[in-house]
Amino acid sequence: MKNKRNLITAVALTSLMSAGLASNLHAEQLKIPVGSQVSLPTTGMTQASVRNRWGAPQDIQGPVGEPPISQWHYSNFIVYFEHDRVLHTVVKRNR
């Protein structure tokens, strides 16, 4: 599946380049030092287990929409919940 995705990406980029549209494409890389252990909430964890492990969030936004999605903001990451369960965790980027 990964090879198929890489092939599709290569074909799409080749098409963009031949059309002259790829000149404005940029990619960013998140570099995490080797050996660093970042502890983050994982998909499926409950809000109670996140609060028990990482404490109270600095800010809570939502819930919004259907299904209800809420965000818990911590100093280094944001946790997205669908209902009571972790949907995704995003590491904040240092600027």
N, C-alpha and C. Protein backbone atom coordinates (compact mmCIF):
# COMPACT_ATOMS: atom_id res chain seq x y z
N MET A 1 0.83 -1.20 0.00
CA MET A 1 0.00 0.00 0.00
C MET A 1 0.87 1.26 0.00
N LYS A 2 1.98 1.21 0.76
CA LYS A 2 2.86 2.37 0.83
C LYS A 2 3.51 2.64 -0.53
N ASN A 3 3.92 1.55 -1.24
CA ASN A 3 4.53 1.73 -2.56
C ASN A 3 3.54 2.33 -3.55
N LYS A 4 2.28 1.93 -3.43
CA LYS A 4 1.24 2.46 -4.32
C LYS A 4 1.04 3.95 -4.05
N ARG A 5 1.05 4.34 -2.78
CA ARG A 5 0.89 5.74 -2.40
C ARG A 5 2.08 6.56 -2.89
N ASN A 6 3.29 6.00 -2.77
CA ASN A 6 4.49 6.69 -3.26
C ASN A 6 4.44 6.88 -4.77
N LEU A 7 3.97 5.86 -5.48
CA LEU A 7 3.86 5.96 -6.93
C LEU A 7 2.86 7.04 -7.33
N ILE A 8 1.72 7.09 -6.65
CA ILE A 8 0.70 8.09 -6.94
C ILE A 8 1.26 9.49 -6.67
N THR A 9 1.98 9.64 -5.57
CA THR A 9 2.58 10.93 -5.23
C THR A 9 3.60 11.34 -6.29
N ALA A 10 4.43 10.40 -6.72
CA ALA A 10 5.44 10.70 -7.74
C ALA A 10 4.79 11.12 -9.06
N VAL A 11 3.74 10.42 -9.46
CA VAL A 11 3.04 10.76 -10.70
C VAL A 11 2.40 12.14 -10.59
N ALA A 12 1.79 12.44 -9.43
CA ALA A 12 1.15 13.74 -9.24
C ALA A 12 2.18 14.86 -9.27
N LEU A 13 3.32 14.66 -8.61
CA LEU A 13 4.37 15.69 -8.62
C LEU A 13 4.96 15.88 -10.01
N THR A 14 5.14 14.78 -10.74
CA THR A 14 5.66 14.88 -12.10
C THR A 14 4.70 15.68 -12.97
N SER A 15 3.40 15.43 -12.81
CA SER A 15 2.39 16.17 -13.57
C SER A 15 2.42 17.65 -13.22
N LEU A 16 2.55 17.96 -11.93
CA LEU A 16 2.60 19.35 -11.50
C LEU A 16 3.85 20.05 -12.05
N MET A 17 4.97 19.34 -11.99
CA MET A 17 6.22 19.92 -12.47
C MET A 17 6.16 20.20 -13.97
N SER A 18 5.59 19.26 -14.72
CA SER A 18 5.51 19.46 -16.17
C SER A 18 4.55 20.60 -16.50
N ALA A 19 3.60 20.85 -15.61
CA ALA A 19 2.66 21.95 -15.84
C ALA A 19 3.20 23.26 -15.27
N GLY A 20 4.37 23.21 -14.61
CA GLY A 20 4.97 24.42 -14.06
C GLY A 20 4.33 24.87 -12.76
N LEU A 21 3.59 23.98 -12.10
CA LEU A 21 2.88 24.37 -10.88
C LEU A 21 3.62 23.97 -9.60
N ALA A 22 4.69 23.22 -9.70
CA ALA A 22 5.37 22.72 -8.50
C ALA A 22 6.38 23.69 -7.93
N SER A 23 6.61 24.81 -8.57
CA SER A 23 7.64 25.72 -8.11
C SER A 23 7.32 26.32 -6.74
N ASN A 24 6.06 26.35 -6.34
CA ASN A 24 5.67 26.93 -5.06
C ASN A 24 5.41 25.88 -3.98
N LEU A 25 5.69 24.62 -4.27
CA LEU A 25 5.48 23.58 -3.28
C LEU A 25 6.63 23.52 -2.30
N HIS A 26 6.31 23.42 -1.01
CA HIS A 26 7.32 23.33 0.04
C HIS A 26 6.88 22.27 1.04
N ALA A 27 7.82 21.58 1.61
CA ALA A 27 7.53 20.59 2.64
C ALA A 27 8.31 20.96 3.89
N GLU A 28 7.71 20.68 5.04
CA GLU A 28 8.39 20.91 6.31
C GLU A 28 8.62 19.58 6.98
N GLN A 29 9.71 19.51 7.71
CA GLN A 29 10.06 18.29 8.40
C GLN A 29 10.09 18.56 9.89
N LEU A 30 9.46 17.69 10.67
CA LEU A 30 9.51 17.78 12.11
C LEU A 30 10.67 16.93 12.58
N LYS A 31 11.67 17.56 13.20
CA LYS A 31 12.85 16.83 13.65
C LYS A 31 12.76 16.62 15.15
N ILE A 32 12.77 15.37 15.55
CA ILE A 32 12.74 15.01 16.95
C ILE A 32 14.09 14.38 17.28
N PRO A 33 14.79 14.91 18.28
CA PRO A 33 16.11 14.38 18.60
C PRO A 33 16.06 12.88 18.89
N VAL A 34 17.08 12.16 18.42
CA VAL A 34 17.17 10.73 18.64
C VAL A 34 17.23 10.47 20.14
N GLY A 35 16.45 9.52 20.59
CA GLY A 35 16.46 9.17 22.00
C GLY A 35 15.47 9.95 22.83
N SER A 36 14.83 10.97 22.26
CA SER A 36 13.85 11.71 23.05
C SER A 36 12.57 10.90 23.17
N GLN A 37 12.05 10.88 24.33
CA GLN A 37 10.82 10.13 24.59
C GLN A 37 9.71 11.12 24.90
N VAL A 38 8.86 11.37 23.93
CA VAL A 38 7.74 12.28 24.12
C VAL A 38 6.52 11.44 24.47
N SER A 39 5.98 11.67 25.62
CA SER A 39 4.80 10.94 26.06
C SER A 39 3.56 11.72 25.66
N LEU A 40 2.71 11.11 24.84
CA LEU A 40 1.51 11.77 24.33
C LEU A 40 0.30 10.87 24.50
N PRO A 41 -0.89 11.47 24.64
CA PRO A 41 -2.11 10.66 24.65
C PRO A 41 -2.26 9.93 23.32
N THR A 42 -2.78 8.71 23.39
CA THR A 42 -2.95 7.91 22.19
C THR A 42 -4.42 7.74 21.84
N THR A 43 -4.68 7.44 20.59
CA THR A 43 -6.04 7.27 20.09
C THR A 43 -6.80 6.27 20.94
N GLY A 44 -8.01 6.65 21.32
CA GLY A 44 -8.87 5.76 22.08
C GLY A 44 -8.87 5.98 23.58
N MET A 45 -7.89 6.73 24.10
CA MET A 45 -7.86 7.01 25.53
C MET A 45 -9.07 7.84 25.91
N THR A 46 -9.54 7.70 27.13
CA THR A 46 -10.67 8.50 27.61
C THR A 46 -10.18 9.85 28.12
N GLN A 47 -11.10 10.79 28.23
CA GLN A 47 -10.76 12.09 28.78
C GLN A 47 -10.27 11.95 30.22
N ALA A 48 -10.87 11.06 30.97
CA ALA A 48 -10.47 10.84 32.36
C ALA A 48 -9.04 10.33 32.45
N SER A 49 -8.66 9.40 31.56
CA SER A 49 -7.30 8.87 31.61
C SER A 49 -6.28 9.91 31.17
N VAL A 50 -6.64 10.79 30.23
CA VAL A 50 -5.75 11.88 29.82
C VAL A 50 -5.56 12.85 30.98
N ARG A 51 -6.65 13.21 31.63
CA ARG A 51 -6.57 14.15 32.77
C ARG A 51 -5.75 13.54 33.91
N ASN A 52 -5.92 12.23 34.16
CA ASN A 52 -5.16 11.58 35.23
C ASN A 52 -3.67 11.55 34.92
N ARG A 53 -3.30 11.35 33.66
CA ARG A 53 -1.88 11.21 33.29
C ARG A 53 -1.19 12.55 33.09
N TRP A 54 -1.86 13.53 32.43
CA TRP A 54 -1.22 14.79 32.08
C TRP A 54 -1.78 15.99 32.84
N GLY A 55 -2.75 15.76 33.69
CA GLY A 55 -3.33 16.85 34.48
C GLY A 55 -4.38 17.63 33.70
N ALA A 56 -4.84 18.70 34.33
CA ALA A 56 -5.87 19.54 33.71
C ALA A 56 -5.25 20.32 32.54
N PRO A 57 -5.98 20.45 31.43
CA PRO A 57 -5.46 21.22 30.29
C PRO A 57 -5.43 22.71 30.62
N GLN A 58 -4.59 23.45 29.89
CA GLN A 58 -4.52 24.90 30.04
C GLN A 58 -5.78 25.56 29.49
N ASP A 59 -6.37 24.94 28.47
CA ASP A 59 -7.56 25.50 27.82
C ASP A 59 -8.35 24.37 27.20
N ILE A 60 -9.67 24.50 27.19
CA ILE A 60 -10.55 23.54 26.52
C ILE A 60 -11.41 24.31 25.53
N GLN A 61 -11.46 23.83 24.29
CA GLN A 61 -12.32 24.44 23.27
C GLN A 61 -13.30 23.40 22.77
N GLY A 62 -14.54 23.82 22.57
CA GLY A 62 -15.57 22.91 22.08
C GLY A 62 -16.35 22.33 23.23
N PRO A 63 -17.17 21.34 22.94
CA PRO A 63 -17.28 20.59 21.70
C PRO A 63 -18.02 21.36 20.60
N VAL A 64 -17.67 21.00 19.36
CA VAL A 64 -18.26 21.63 18.18
C VAL A 64 -18.65 20.54 17.20
N GLY A 65 -19.80 20.71 16.56
CA GLY A 65 -20.20 19.82 15.46
C GLY A 65 -20.82 18.52 15.89
N GLU A 66 -21.03 17.67 14.90
CA GLU A 66 -21.61 16.34 15.11
C GLU A 66 -20.84 15.35 14.28
N PRO A 67 -20.10 14.43 14.80
CA PRO A 67 -19.97 14.17 16.23
C PRO A 67 -19.22 15.31 16.92
N PRO A 68 -19.47 15.48 18.22
CA PRO A 68 -18.83 16.59 18.93
C PRO A 68 -17.31 16.40 19.05
N ILE A 69 -16.56 17.41 18.58
CA ILE A 69 -15.11 17.40 18.64
C ILE A 69 -14.68 18.51 19.60
N SER A 70 -13.83 18.16 20.55
CA SER A 70 -13.29 19.16 21.47
C SER A 70 -11.78 19.10 21.46
N GLN A 71 -11.16 20.19 21.93
CA GLN A 71 -9.70 20.30 21.97
C GLN A 71 -9.27 20.60 23.39
N TRP A 72 -8.27 19.89 23.85
CA TRP A 72 -7.64 20.18 25.13
C TRP A 72 -6.23 20.66 24.82
N HIS A 73 -5.91 21.86 25.26
CA HIS A 73 -4.60 22.46 24.99
C HIS A 73 -3.69 22.31 26.20
N TYR A 74 -2.55 21.67 25.97
CA TYR A 74 -1.49 21.56 26.96
C TYR A 74 -0.31 22.39 26.47
N SER A 75 0.72 22.54 27.26
CA SER A 75 1.84 23.41 26.87
C SER A 75 2.56 22.94 25.62
N ASN A 76 2.68 21.62 25.41
CA ASN A 76 3.45 21.11 24.27
C ASN A 76 2.61 20.39 23.22
N PHE A 77 1.34 20.17 23.48
CA PHE A 77 0.51 19.43 22.52
C PHE A 77 -0.96 19.77 22.70
N ILE A 78 -1.74 19.41 21.68
CA ILE A 78 -3.20 19.58 21.70
C ILE A 78 -3.81 18.20 21.48
N VAL A 79 -4.82 17.88 22.29
CA VAL A 79 -5.51 16.60 22.17
C VAL A 79 -6.90 16.87 21.61
N TYR A 80 -7.26 16.16 20.53
CA TYR A 80 -8.58 16.28 19.92
C TYR A 80 -9.40 15.07 20.35
N PHE A 81 -10.60 15.35 20.87
CA PHE A 81 -11.50 14.29 21.32
C PHE A 81 -12.74 14.24 20.45
N GLU A 82 -13.21 13.04 20.19
CA GLU A 82 -14.54 12.83 19.62
C GLU A 82 -15.34 12.19 20.74
N HIS A 83 -16.38 12.87 21.18
CA HIS A 83 -17.10 12.49 22.39
C HIS A 83 -16.10 12.46 23.54
N ASP A 84 -15.87 11.32 24.15
CA ASP A 84 -15.01 11.17 25.33
C ASP A 84 -13.66 10.53 24.99
N ARG A 85 -13.40 10.24 23.71
CA ARG A 85 -12.21 9.47 23.33
C ARG A 85 -11.23 10.29 22.49
N VAL A 86 -9.92 10.05 22.71
CA VAL A 86 -8.89 10.73 21.94
C VAL A 86 -9.00 10.32 20.49
N LEU A 87 -9.09 11.32 19.64
CA LEU A 87 -9.12 11.11 18.20
C LEU A 87 -7.71 11.26 17.62
N HIS A 88 -7.00 12.31 18.11
CA HIS A 88 -5.66 12.61 17.57
C HIS A 88 -4.96 13.54 18.54
N THR A 89 -3.63 13.45 18.58
CA THR A 89 -2.81 14.37 19.38
C THR A 89 -1.80 15.04 18.45
N VAL A 90 -1.67 16.36 18.58
CA VAL A 90 -0.77 17.12 17.73
C VAL A 90 0.26 17.82 18.60
N VAL A 91 1.54 17.65 18.27
CA VAL A 91 2.63 18.32 19.00
C VAL A 91 2.72 19.75 18.50
N LYS A 92 2.80 20.70 19.44
CA LYS A 92 2.95 22.11 19.05
C LYS A 92 4.35 22.33 18.53
N ARG A 93 4.46 23.16 17.55
CA ARG A 93 5.75 23.46 16.92
C ARG A 93 6.37 24.67 17.61
N ASN A 94 7.63 24.57 17.94
CA ASN A 94 8.35 25.70 18.55
C ASN A 94 8.77 26.66 17.46
N ARG A 95 8.52 27.92 17.64
CA ARG A 95 8.89 28.94 16.65
C ARG A 95 9.93 29.84 17.22
